[in-house]
Amino acid sequence: MSYVFWVQGLLGFQRLLEKDIVDLVDGIGMQQERIGVTITQNRCHRNDTIAYDIAESALLTIDTNTLFPAGIPRDFSILVVAKPKIGYPVATLFAIYNDSGEEQLVLSLGNDVILYYSTTQDDEGKAISFGIDISDGKWHRLGISVKGNTVTLILDCTRQISKELRRNLDERIDINGIVIIGQQIVDGDMYLGGLEMLKIAPIPDAAYEICTIFAADCRNHTRHRFTNLRNYSPMIRTTSSTYYEGASQTIRSSSYAGEAFSTTRSYYETNYNNLNSSQTYGRTSSTISKLNVSYNEEN
C-alpha cells in the first residue's frame, strides 16, 4: 500500500512541476524546421527527443503574450539543454523584450553563462556572469532558479552557483513584447549550436530537477521516474529570498533521498568585470514592430 502512495506522490509532484511550464522551442515552432533550423542528434542519441541546430539565417520570434497569456511570475525557473558551438563567444540564447524594445530577460551562453534581468530602468546594465565556459562542443544541462533577490545556476548536475539579483520585486516582466530565440534585436553575437530544451517554469524549485525530471541522465532516461520513486522523500530547499554571503562550500543534496550529488555553491561576488564587453543589454534602437514585419514576411 505504501508503494502505491509513493507512486501517487511522485506523479503528483511531477504534474505540479510540469503544470503551466512554457516550452519556448515548441511555442516558437522550431519543430516545423523553419529557416535556419535543422534537426540534429540529441543528447542521448534516442528517438524520443528532438534537438535542433540553429544557424545564422534563423529568425525565431513570437509575441510574449502568446506564450505567457497569464504573465510571467516573479519567481521562476529556466530549463535548458544546449550545445553551444565549440569555442564560440557568449551569445544570446533567448531574449524577452517589452513593447518599447527594452530587454527584460536575456540568457547568453558560450564561453560564459550570463543572465540579464531588468523590469525597470534602475536595473539596466546589471548582467550577471556565472564565469563558466560551456563552449566545449558538448551538451549541457542548465537549471536557472530566479527567486527573490537570488539567481542560482545548476549546471550539469554537479555545480551550483548563486548570485545576487538586484531587482524591484514589485515589478513583473512585461508580456506586451516579443520573445526571440538565438539573437538580440541589435548587438551581441547570434547563438549558433544545438538546442534540445528551452522552457520556463513558474516554480523556482523546478530548476533543481533539471537532472531528475526534465533532462535525466541518458542511462536513466527511461527509468528515472522509477528510480526517483524508490528514493522519494519530501523536498528540502535552502533557497530563499534572502541572499547569503560566505565561503564556497560543497553540498551533497538532491530533491530525493539517496540521489546525492556533489554541488558547489559560490556566494555573492560583486565583480562583474569579466563580462564580455561586446555584449550589451538594455534599451535598443530598433522597434518591436520592425522585427515583427520581418517575421511576418518570412511566414
C-alpha atoms as a PDB file:
ATOM      1  CA  MET A   1       0.000   0.000   0.000  1.00  0.00           C
ATOM      2  CA  SER A   2       2.812   2.418   0.853  1.00  0.00           C
ATOM      3  CA  TYR A   3       4.331   1.722  -2.580  1.00  0.00           C
ATOM      4  CA  VAL A   4       1.104   2.939  -4.219  1.00  0.00           C
ATOM      5  CA  PHE A   5       1.208   6.111  -2.135  1.00  0.00           C
ATOM      6  CA  TRP A   6       4.805   6.686  -3.243  1.00  0.00           C
ATOM      7  CA  VAL A   7       3.758   6.315  -6.867  1.00  0.00           C
ATOM      8  CA  GLN A   8       0.896   8.752  -6.412  1.00  0.00           C
ATOM      9  CA  GLY A   9       3.138  11.177  -4.551  1.00  0.00           C
ATOM     10  CA  LEU A  10       5.798  11.162  -7.227  1.00  0.00           C
ATOM     11  CA  LEU A  11       3.360  11.502 -10.107  1.00  0.00           C
ATOM     12  CA  GLY A  12       1.551  14.286  -8.299  1.00  0.00           C
ATOM     13  CA  PHE A  13       4.808  16.118  -7.674  1.00  0.00           C
ATOM     14  CA  GLN A  14       5.809  15.738 -11.308  1.00  0.00           C
ATOM     15  CA  ARG A  15       2.446  17.057 -12.526  1.00  0.00           C
ATOM     16  CA  LEU A  16       2.817  20.019 -10.171  1.00  0.00           C
ATOM     17  CA  LEU A  17       6.210  20.872 -11.645  1.00  0.00           C
ATOM     18  CA  GLU A  18       5.087  20.419 -15.242  1.00  0.00           C
ATOM     19  CA  LYS A  19       1.875  22.395 -14.815  1.00  0.00           C
ATOM     20  CA  ASP A  20       1.956  25.658 -16.755  1.00  0.00           C
ATOM     21  CA  ILE A  21       5.544  25.146 -17.932  1.00  0.00           C
ATOM     22  CA  VAL A  22       6.061  27.024 -21.201  1.00  0.00           C
ATOM     23  CA  ASP A  23       8.079  25.286 -23.916  1.00  0.00           C
ATOM     24  CA  LEU A  24       9.692  28.032 -25.990  1.00  0.00           C
ATOM     25  CA  VAL A  25      11.021  25.578 -28.583  1.00  0.00           C
ATOM     26  CA  ASP A  26       7.561  24.224 -29.372  1.00  0.00           C
ATOM     27  CA  GLY A  27       5.837  27.560 -28.928  1.00  0.00           C
ATOM     28  CA  ILE A  28       8.049  29.290 -31.457  1.00  0.00           C
ATOM     29  CA  GLY A  29       7.575  26.474 -33.974  1.00  0.00           C
ATOM     30  CA  MET A  30      11.083  25.038 -34.279  1.00  0.00           C
ATOM     31  CA  GLN A  31       9.560  21.596 -34.908  1.00  0.00           C
ATOM     32  CA  GLN A  32       8.411  22.955 -38.273  1.00  0.00           C
ATOM     33  CA  GLU A  33      12.093  23.259 -39.264  1.00  0.00           C
ATOM     34  CA  ARG A  34      11.827  26.936 -40.041  1.00  0.00           C
ATOM     35  CA  ILE A  35      14.520  28.762 -41.981  1.00  0.00           C
ATOM     36  CA  GLY A  36      17.881  28.333 -40.274  1.00  0.00           C
ATOM     37  CA  VAL A  37      16.695  25.408 -38.123  1.00  0.00           C
ATOM     38  CA  THR A  38      17.574  21.763 -38.773  1.00  0.00           C
ATOM     39  CA  ILE A  39      17.059  18.610 -36.723  1.00  0.00           C
ATOM     40  CA  THR A  40      20.273  17.276 -35.193  1.00  0.00           C
ATOM     41  CA  GLN A  41      21.375  14.403 -32.967  1.00  0.00           C
ATOM     42  CA  ASN A  42      20.008  14.834 -29.459  1.00  0.00           C
ATOM     43  CA  ARG A  43      21.897  14.494 -26.198  1.00  0.00           C
ATOM     44  CA  CYS A  44      21.034  10.862 -25.509  1.00  0.00           C
ATOM     45  CA  HIS A  45      21.019   9.651 -29.158  1.00  0.00           C
ATOM     46  CA  ARG A  46      17.439   8.420 -28.823  1.00  0.00           C
ATOM     47  CA  ASN A  47      14.283   8.834 -30.848  1.00  0.00           C
ATOM     48  CA  ASP A  48      12.107  10.158 -28.029  1.00  0.00           C
ATOM     49  CA  THR A  49      13.617  13.667 -28.017  1.00  0.00           C
ATOM     50  CA  ILE A  50      14.219  16.147 -30.828  1.00  0.00           C
ATOM     51  CA  ALA A  51      17.151  18.552 -30.871  1.00  0.00           C
ATOM     52  CA  TYR A  52      17.778  21.383 -33.302  1.00  0.00           C
ATOM     53  CA  ASP A  53      20.740  23.143 -34.851  1.00  0.00           C
ATOM     54  CA  ILE A  54      20.392  26.921 -35.100  1.00  0.00           C
ATOM     55  CA  ALA A  55      22.166  28.679 -37.983  1.00  0.00           C
ATOM     56  CA  GLU A  56      22.799  32.358 -38.721  1.00  0.00           C
ATOM     57  CA  SER A  57      19.802  32.584 -41.043  1.00  0.00           C
ATOM     58  CA  ALA A  58      17.310  31.681 -38.294  1.00  0.00           C
ATOM     59  CA  LEU A  59      14.653  34.202 -37.286  1.00  0.00           C
ATOM     60  CA  LEU A  60      12.758  32.753 -34.341  1.00  0.00           C
ATOM     61  CA  THR A  61      10.335  35.138 -32.669  1.00  0.00           C
ATOM     62  CA  ILE A  62       6.848  35.157 -31.180  1.00  0.00           C
ATOM     63  CA  ASP A  63       4.682  37.540 -29.173  1.00  0.00           C
ATOM     64  CA  THR A  64       5.351  37.120 -25.457  1.00  0.00           C
ATOM     65  CA  ASN A  65       1.668  37.165 -24.535  1.00  0.00           C
ATOM     66  CA  THR A  66       1.078  34.240 -26.891  1.00  0.00           C
ATOM     67  CA  LEU A  67       3.463  32.101 -24.848  1.00  0.00           C
ATOM     68  CA  PHE A  68       2.549  33.599 -21.472  1.00  0.00           C
ATOM     69  CA  PRO A  69      -1.092  34.724 -21.605  1.00  0.00           C
ATOM     70  CA  ALA A  70      -1.247  34.733 -17.794  1.00  0.00           C
ATOM     71  CA  GLY A  71       2.060  36.575 -17.450  1.00  0.00           C
ATOM     72  CA  ILE A  72       5.456  35.547 -16.112  1.00  0.00           C
ATOM     73  CA  PRO A  73       5.621  35.157 -12.335  1.00  0.00           C
ATOM     74  CA  ARG A  74       8.145  36.988 -10.205  1.00  0.00           C
ATOM     75  CA  ASP A  75       9.933  33.758  -9.280  1.00  0.00           C
ATOM     76  CA  PHE A  76      10.512  31.139 -11.951  1.00  0.00           C
ATOM     77  CA  SER A  77      12.941  28.635 -13.466  1.00  0.00           C
ATOM     78  CA  ILE A  78      14.674  28.481 -16.840  1.00  0.00           C
ATOM     79  CA  LEU A  79      15.353  24.926 -18.047  1.00  0.00           C
ATOM     80  CA  VAL A  80      17.916  24.472 -20.811  1.00  0.00           C
ATOM     81  CA  VAL A  81      19.641  21.661 -22.654  1.00  0.00           C
ATOM     82  CA  ALA A  82      22.028  23.201 -25.170  1.00  0.00           C
ATOM     83  CA  LYS A  83      25.278  22.646 -27.029  1.00  0.00           C
ATOM     84  CA  PRO A  84      26.887  25.969 -27.988  1.00  0.00           C
ATOM     85  CA  LYS A  85      29.238  25.964 -30.952  1.00  0.00           C
ATOM     86  CA  ILE A  86      32.714  24.910 -29.846  1.00  0.00           C
ATOM     87  CA  GLY A  87      34.995  27.831 -28.989  1.00  0.00           C
ATOM     88  CA  TYR A  88      32.220  30.350 -29.696  1.00  0.00           C
ATOM     89  CA  PRO A  89      31.945  33.554 -27.637  1.00  0.00           C
ATOM     90  CA  VAL A  90      29.000  34.215 -25.392  1.00  0.00           C
ATOM     91  CA  ALA A  91      25.850  34.663 -27.489  1.00  0.00           C
ATOM     92  CA  THR A  92      22.156  35.212 -26.852  1.00  0.00           C
ATOM     93  CA  LEU A  93      20.153  32.008 -26.495  1.00  0.00           C
ATOM     94  CA  PHE A  94      16.915  33.901 -25.972  1.00  0.00           C
ATOM     95  CA  ALA A  95      15.678  37.366 -25.087  1.00  0.00           C
ATOM     96  CA  ILE A  96      12.360  38.810 -23.934  1.00  0.00           C
ATOM     97  CA  TYR A  97      11.585  42.410 -24.896  1.00  0.00           C
ATOM     98  CA  ASN A  98       8.828  44.778 -23.853  1.00  0.00           C
ATOM     99  CA  ASP A  99       6.830  46.734 -26.426  1.00  0.00           C
ATOM    100  CA  SER A 100       9.340  49.598 -26.281  1.00  0.00           C
ATOM    101  CA  GLY A 101      12.185  47.379 -27.423  1.00  0.00           C
ATOM    102  CA  GLU A 102      13.796  47.170 -23.990  1.00  0.00           C
ATOM    103  CA  GLU A 103      15.382  43.897 -22.967  1.00  0.00           C
ATOM    104  CA  GLN A 104      13.884  42.400 -19.824  1.00  0.00           C
ATOM    105  CA  LEU A 105      15.273  38.864 -19.681  1.00  0.00           C
ATOM    106  CA  VAL A 106      18.276  37.623 -21.669  1.00  0.00           C
ATOM    107  CA  LEU A 107      20.171  34.353 -21.313  1.00  0.00           C
ATOM    108  CA  SER A 108      23.505  34.116 -23.117  1.00  0.00           C
ATOM    109  CA  LEU A 109      25.676  31.018 -23.466  1.00  0.00           C
ATOM    110  CA  GLY A 110      29.137  30.252 -24.821  1.00  0.00           C
ATOM    111  CA  ASN A 111      32.441  30.931 -23.136  1.00  0.00           C
ATOM    112  CA  ASP A 112      30.367  32.213 -20.220  1.00  0.00           C
ATOM    113  CA  VAL A 113      26.824  31.892 -18.890  1.00  0.00           C
ATOM    114  CA  ILE A 114      25.263  35.335 -18.467  1.00  0.00           C
ATOM    115  CA  LEU A 115      21.800  36.300 -17.263  1.00  0.00           C
ATOM    116  CA  TYR A 116      20.349  39.766 -17.708  1.00  0.00           C
ATOM    117  CA  TYR A 117      17.149  40.703 -15.865  1.00  0.00           C
ATOM    118  CA  SER A 118      15.549  44.133 -15.924  1.00  0.00           C
ATOM    119  CA  THR A 119      11.999  45.284 -15.311  1.00  0.00           C
ATOM    120  CA  THR A 120      12.812  48.927 -14.534  1.00  0.00           C
ATOM    121  CA  GLN A 121      15.375  51.412 -15.846  1.00  0.00           C
ATOM    122  CA  ASP A 122      17.148  51.220 -12.491  1.00  0.00           C
ATOM    123  CA  ASP A 123      18.058  47.590 -13.300  1.00  0.00           C
ATOM    124  CA  GLU A 124      19.690  48.437 -16.630  1.00  0.00           C
ATOM    125  CA  GLY A 125      23.181  47.095 -17.241  1.00  0.00           C
ATOM    126  CA  LYS A 126      23.267  44.639 -14.340  1.00  0.00           C
ATOM    127  CA  ALA A 127      24.096  41.468 -16.240  1.00  0.00           C
ATOM    128  CA  ILE A 128      25.151  38.541 -14.067  1.00  0.00           C
ATOM    129  CA  SER A 129      28.134  36.456 -15.149  1.00  0.00           C
ATOM    130  CA  PHE A 130      28.496  32.942 -13.743  1.00  0.00           C
ATOM    131  CA  GLY A 131      32.054  32.673 -15.068  1.00  0.00           C
ATOM    132  CA  ILE A 132      31.660  29.210 -16.616  1.00  0.00           C
ATOM    133  CA  ASP A 133      32.769  28.272 -20.135  1.00  0.00           C
ATOM    134  CA  ILE A 134      30.423  25.760 -21.813  1.00  0.00           C
ATOM    135  CA  SER A 135      31.655  26.262 -25.396  1.00  0.00           C
ATOM    136  CA  ASP A 136      33.306  22.830 -25.474  1.00  0.00           C
ATOM    137  CA  GLY A 137      31.057  21.310 -28.117  1.00  0.00           C
ATOM    138  CA  LYS A 138      29.219  19.117 -25.594  1.00  0.00           C
ATOM    139  CA  TRP A 139      25.614  19.051 -24.447  1.00  0.00           C
ATOM    140  CA  HIS A 140      24.995  20.869 -21.177  1.00  0.00           C
ATOM    141  CA  ARG A 141      22.026  20.869 -18.811  1.00  0.00           C
ATOM    142  CA  LEU A 142      21.266  24.167 -17.100  1.00  0.00           C
ATOM    143  CA  GLY A 143      18.645  24.909 -14.495  1.00  0.00           C
ATOM    144  CA  ILE A 144      18.378  28.578 -13.533  1.00  0.00           C
ATOM    145  CA  SER A 145      16.297  29.423 -10.480  1.00  0.00           C
ATOM    146  CA  VAL A 146      15.145  33.016 -10.063  1.00  0.00           C
ATOM    147  CA  LYS A 147      13.807  33.501  -6.544  1.00  0.00           C
ATOM    148  CA  GLY A 148      13.605  36.715  -4.555  1.00  0.00           C
ATOM    149  CA  ASN A 149      16.918  38.533  -4.762  1.00  0.00           C
ATOM    150  CA  THR A 150      18.904  35.428  -5.736  1.00  0.00           C
ATOM    151  CA  VAL A 151      19.574  33.666  -9.017  1.00  0.00           C
ATOM    152  CA  THR A 152      21.062  30.164  -8.882  1.00  0.00           C
ATOM    153  CA  LEU A 153      22.606  28.201 -11.742  1.00  0.00           C
ATOM    154  CA  ILE A 154      22.587  24.396 -11.567  1.00  0.00           C
ATOM    155  CA  LEU A 155      24.991  23.187 -14.264  1.00  0.00           C
ATOM    156  CA  ASP A 156      25.256  19.565 -15.390  1.00  0.00           C
ATOM    157  CA  CYS A 157      24.057  18.292 -12.002  1.00  0.00           C
ATOM    158  CA  THR A 158      27.485  18.915 -10.445  1.00  0.00           C
ATOM    159  CA  ARG A 159      27.828  22.665  -9.963  1.00  0.00           C
ATOM    160  CA  GLN A 160      25.574  25.122  -8.192  1.00  0.00           C
ATOM    161  CA  ILE A 161      26.387  28.823  -8.220  1.00  0.00           C
ATOM    162  CA  SER A 162      24.258  31.506  -6.560  1.00  0.00           C
ATOM    163  CA  LYS A 163      24.484  35.233  -7.265  1.00  0.00           C
ATOM    164  CA  GLU A 164      22.704  38.280  -6.016  1.00  0.00           C
ATOM    165  CA  LEU A 165      19.888  39.509  -8.253  1.00  0.00           C
ATOM    166  CA  ARG A 166      19.207  43.188  -7.741  1.00  0.00           C
ATOM    167  CA  ARG A 167      15.683  43.871  -8.919  1.00  0.00           C
ATOM    168  CA  ASN A 168      12.437  45.531  -7.959  1.00  0.00           C
ATOM    169  CA  LEU A 169      10.371  42.692  -6.509  1.00  0.00           C
ATOM    170  CA  ASP A 170       7.149  44.604  -7.147  1.00  0.00           C
ATOM    171  CA  GLU A 171       7.681  44.650 -10.918  1.00  0.00           C
ATOM    172  CA  ARG A 172       6.974  41.802 -13.338  1.00  0.00           C
ATOM    173  CA  ILE A 173       8.226  41.120 -16.836  1.00  0.00           C
ATOM    174  CA  ASP A 174       6.035  42.939 -19.376  1.00  0.00           C
ATOM    175  CA  ILE A 175       4.415  40.450 -21.768  1.00  0.00           C
ATOM    176  CA  ASN A 176       3.385  43.065 -24.360  1.00  0.00           C
ATOM    177  CA  GLY A 177       6.500  42.497 -26.427  1.00  0.00           C
ATOM    178  CA  ILE A 178       8.274  39.633 -28.141  1.00  0.00           C
ATOM    179  CA  VAL A 179      10.464  36.618 -27.407  1.00  0.00           C
ATOM    180  CA  ILE A 180      13.438  35.899 -29.674  1.00  0.00           C
ATOM    181  CA  ILE A 181      15.480  32.694 -29.720  1.00  0.00           C
ATOM    182  CA  GLY A 182      19.071  32.827 -30.899  1.00  0.00           C
ATOM    183  CA  GLN A 183      19.751  36.550 -31.024  1.00  0.00           C
ATOM    184  CA  GLN A 184      19.120  40.055 -29.746  1.00  0.00           C
ATOM    185  CA  ILE A 185      17.428  42.734 -31.824  1.00  0.00           C
ATOM    186  CA  VAL A 186      20.698  44.633 -32.044  1.00  0.00           C
ATOM    187  CA  ASP A 187      24.257  43.954 -30.879  1.00  0.00           C
ATOM    188  CA  GLY A 188      25.570  40.736 -29.433  1.00  0.00           C
ATOM    189  CA  ASP A 189      26.553  37.512 -31.176  1.00  0.00           C
ATOM    190  CA  MET A 190      23.933  35.155 -32.546  1.00  0.00           C
ATOM    191  CA  TYR A 191      23.668  31.805 -30.810  1.00  0.00           C
ATOM    192  CA  LEU A 192      24.975  29.000 -33.009  1.00  0.00           C
ATOM    193  CA  GLY A 193      24.773  25.369 -31.964  1.00  0.00           C
ATOM    194  CA  GLY A 194      22.353  22.771 -30.669  1.00  0.00           C
ATOM    195  CA  LEU A 195      19.211  23.284 -28.625  1.00  0.00           C
ATOM    196  CA  GLU A 196      17.176  20.435 -27.161  1.00  0.00           C
ATOM    197  CA  MET A 197      15.227  22.148 -24.390  1.00  0.00           C
ATOM    198  CA  LEU A 198      14.261  25.694 -23.526  1.00  0.00           C
ATOM    199  CA  LYS A 199      11.439  26.009 -21.025  1.00  0.00           C
ATOM    200  CA  ILE A 200      10.290  28.476 -18.394  1.00  0.00           C
ATOM    201  CA  ALA A 201       8.568  27.046 -15.329  1.00  0.00           C
ATOM    202  CA  PRO A 202       6.501  29.148 -12.898  1.00  0.00           C
ATOM    203  CA  ILE A 203       8.201  27.395  -9.969  1.00  0.00           C
ATOM    204  CA  PRO A 204      11.738  28.453  -8.921  1.00  0.00           C
ATOM    205  CA  ASP A 205      12.489  24.993  -7.499  1.00  0.00           C
ATOM    206  CA  ALA A 206      11.920  23.339 -10.897  1.00  0.00           C
ATOM    207  CA  ALA A 207      15.489  24.291 -11.836  1.00  0.00           C
ATOM    208  CA  TYR A 208      16.777  21.847  -9.240  1.00  0.00           C
ATOM    209  CA  GLU A 209      15.016  18.994 -11.062  1.00  0.00           C
ATOM    210  CA  ILE A 210      16.775  19.559 -14.404  1.00  0.00           C
ATOM    211  CA  CYS A 211      18.666  16.267 -13.967  1.00  0.00           C
ATOM    212  CA  THR A 212      15.880  14.219 -12.403  1.00  0.00           C
ATOM    213  CA  ILE A 213      12.624  15.076 -14.137  1.00  0.00           C
ATOM    214  CA  PHE A 214      13.311  17.282 -17.144  1.00  0.00           C
ATOM    215  CA  ALA A 215      16.627  16.008 -18.560  1.00  0.00           C
ATOM    216  CA  ALA A 216      17.637  12.864 -16.709  1.00  0.00           C
ATOM    217  CA  ASP A 217      20.965  11.104 -17.211  1.00  0.00           C
ATOM    218  CA  CYS A 218      20.874   9.226 -20.510  1.00  0.00           C
ATOM    219  CA  ARG A 219      21.366   5.838 -18.855  1.00  0.00           C
ATOM    220  CA  ASN A 220      18.372   6.603 -16.604  1.00  0.00           C
ATOM    221  CA  HIS A 221      16.314   8.373 -19.242  1.00  0.00           C
ATOM    222  CA  THR A 222      13.579   5.750 -19.445  1.00  0.00           C
ATOM    223  CA  ARG A 223      13.603   4.649 -15.830  1.00  0.00           C
ATOM    224  CA  HIS A 224      14.305   7.788 -13.833  1.00  0.00           C
ATOM    225  CA  ARG A 225      10.745   8.019 -12.567  1.00  0.00           C
ATOM    226  CA  PHE A 226      11.017   4.545 -11.026  1.00  0.00           C
ATOM    227  CA  THR A 227      14.422   5.358  -9.528  1.00  0.00           C
ATOM    228  CA  ASN A 228      13.088   8.584  -8.057  1.00  0.00           C
ATOM    229  CA  LEU A 229      10.117   6.711  -6.684  1.00  0.00           C
ATOM    230  CA  ARG A 230      12.245   4.300  -4.698  1.00  0.00           C
ATOM    231  CA  ASN A 231      14.087   7.186  -3.082  1.00  0.00           C
ATOM    232  CA  TYR A 232      11.224   9.629  -2.815  1.00  0.00           C
ATOM    233  CA  SER A 233      11.023  11.910   0.175  1.00  0.00           C
ATOM    234  CA  PRO A 234       9.702  15.450   0.685  1.00  0.00           C
ATOM    235  CA  MET A 235      11.887  18.160  -0.775  1.00  0.00           C
ATOM    236  CA  ILE A 236      14.017  20.351   1.413  1.00  0.00           C
ATOM    237  CA  ARG A 237      15.219  23.532  -0.241  1.00  0.00           C
ATOM    238  CA  THR A 238      17.660  26.046   1.157  1.00  0.00           C
ATOM    239  CA  THR A 239      16.895  28.787  -1.347  1.00  0.00           C
ATOM    240  CA  SER A 240      15.045  31.845  -0.115  1.00  0.00           C
ATOM    241  CA  SER A 241      14.577  35.481  -0.966  1.00  0.00           C
ATOM    242  CA  THR A 242      17.360  36.357   1.471  1.00  0.00           C
ATOM    243  CA  TYR A 243      20.827  36.256  -0.039  1.00  0.00           C
ATOM    244  CA  TYR A 244      23.808  34.800   1.777  1.00  0.00           C
ATOM    245  CA  GLU A 245      27.435  35.792   1.909  1.00  0.00           C
ATOM    246  CA  GLY A 246      30.089  33.278   2.801  1.00  0.00           C
ATOM    247  CA  ALA A 247      32.784  30.936   1.630  1.00  0.00           C
ATOM    248  CA  SER A 248      32.258  28.424  -1.145  1.00  0.00           C
ATOM    249  CA  GLN A 249      31.097  25.075   0.062  1.00  0.00           C
ATOM    250  CA  THR A 250      30.354  21.666  -1.368  1.00  0.00           C
ATOM    251  CA  ILE A 251      26.829  20.434  -0.820  1.00  0.00           C
ATOM    252  CA  ARG A 252      25.722  16.855  -1.247  1.00  0.00           C
ATOM    253  CA  SER A 253      21.999  17.047  -1.700  1.00  0.00           C
ATOM    254  CA  SER A 254      19.153  16.311  -4.057  1.00  0.00           C
ATOM    255  CA  SER A 255      15.386  16.500  -4.205  1.00  0.00           C
ATOM    256  CA  TYR A 256      15.202  12.849  -3.329  1.00  0.00           C
ATOM    257  CA  ALA A 257      16.953  10.973  -0.588  1.00  0.00           C
ATOM    258  CA  GLY A 258      19.588   8.586  -1.894  1.00  0.00           C
ATOM    259  CA  GLU A 259      20.316  10.646  -5.041  1.00  0.00           C
ATOM    260  CA  ALA A 260      23.086  12.757  -3.627  1.00  0.00           C
ATOM    261  CA  PHE A 261      25.378  14.585  -5.985  1.00  0.00           C
ATOM    262  CA  SER A 262      28.236  16.964  -5.417  1.00  0.00           C
ATOM    263  CA  THR A 263      27.246  20.587  -5.888  1.00  0.00           C
ATOM    264  CA  THR A 264      29.482  23.585  -5.479  1.00  0.00           C
ATOM    265  CA  ARG A 265      27.816  26.762  -4.261  1.00  0.00           C
ATOM    266  CA  SER A 266      29.592  30.079  -4.771  1.00  0.00           C
ATOM    267  CA  TYR A 267      28.125  33.055  -2.981  1.00  0.00           C
ATOM    268  CA  TYR A 268      27.820  36.697  -3.847  1.00  0.00           C
ATOM    269  CA  GLU A 269      30.577  38.200  -5.962  1.00  0.00           C
ATOM    270  CA  THR A 270      30.456  41.907  -6.718  1.00  0.00           C
ATOM    271  CA  ASN A 271      32.976  41.900  -9.558  1.00  0.00           C
ATOM    272  CA  TYR A 272      31.292  41.652 -12.944  1.00  0.00           C
ATOM    273  CA  ASN A 273      34.333  42.911 -14.881  1.00  0.00           C
ATOM    274  CA  ASN A 274      34.720  39.602 -16.686  1.00  0.00           C
ATOM    275  CA  LEU A 275      31.587  40.243 -18.737  1.00  0.00           C
ATOM    276  CA  ASN A 276      32.109  40.151 -22.485  1.00  0.00           C
ATOM    277  CA  SER A 277      32.412  43.808 -23.414  1.00  0.00           C
ATOM    278  CA  SER A 278      30.751  43.233 -26.795  1.00  0.00           C
ATOM    279  CA  GLN A 279      27.545  42.071 -25.113  1.00  0.00           C
ATOM    280  CA  THR A 280      25.202  44.983 -24.484  1.00  0.00           C
ATOM    281  CA  TYR A 281      21.865  44.995 -22.734  1.00  0.00           C
ATOM    282  CA  GLY A 282      19.029  47.382 -22.112  1.00  0.00           C
ATOM    283  CA  ARG A 283      17.181  49.687 -24.483  1.00  0.00           C
ATOM    284  CA  THR A 284      17.602  49.011 -28.191  1.00  0.00           C
ATOM    285  CA  SER A 285      17.443  51.444 -31.074  1.00  0.00           C
ATOM    286  CA  SER A 286      15.215  49.096 -33.074  1.00  0.00           C
ATOM    287  CA  THR A 287      11.489  48.751 -32.552  1.00  0.00           C
ATOM    288  CA  ILE A 288       9.473  45.643 -31.962  1.00  0.00           C
ATOM    289  CA  SER A 289       7.232  46.446 -34.902  1.00  0.00           C
ATOM    290  CA  LYS A 290      10.139  46.323 -37.366  1.00  0.00           C
ATOM    291  CA  LEU A 291      11.123  42.856 -36.227  1.00  0.00           C
ATOM    292  CA  ASN A 292       7.547  41.659 -36.405  1.00  0.00           C
ATOM    293  CA  VAL A 293       7.382  42.851 -40.019  1.00  0.00           C
ATOM    294  CA  SER A 294      10.391  40.673 -40.852  1.00  0.00           C
ATOM    295  CA  TYR A 295       8.824  37.738 -39.045  1.00  0.00           C
ATOM    296  CA  ASN A 296       5.521  38.114 -40.864  1.00  0.00           C
ATOM    297  CA  GLU A 297       7.261  38.295 -44.244  1.00  0.00           C
ATOM    298  CA  GLU A 298       9.026  35.006 -43.528  1.00  0.00           C
ATOM    299  CA  ASN A 299       5.743  33.329 -42.667  1.00  0.00           C
END
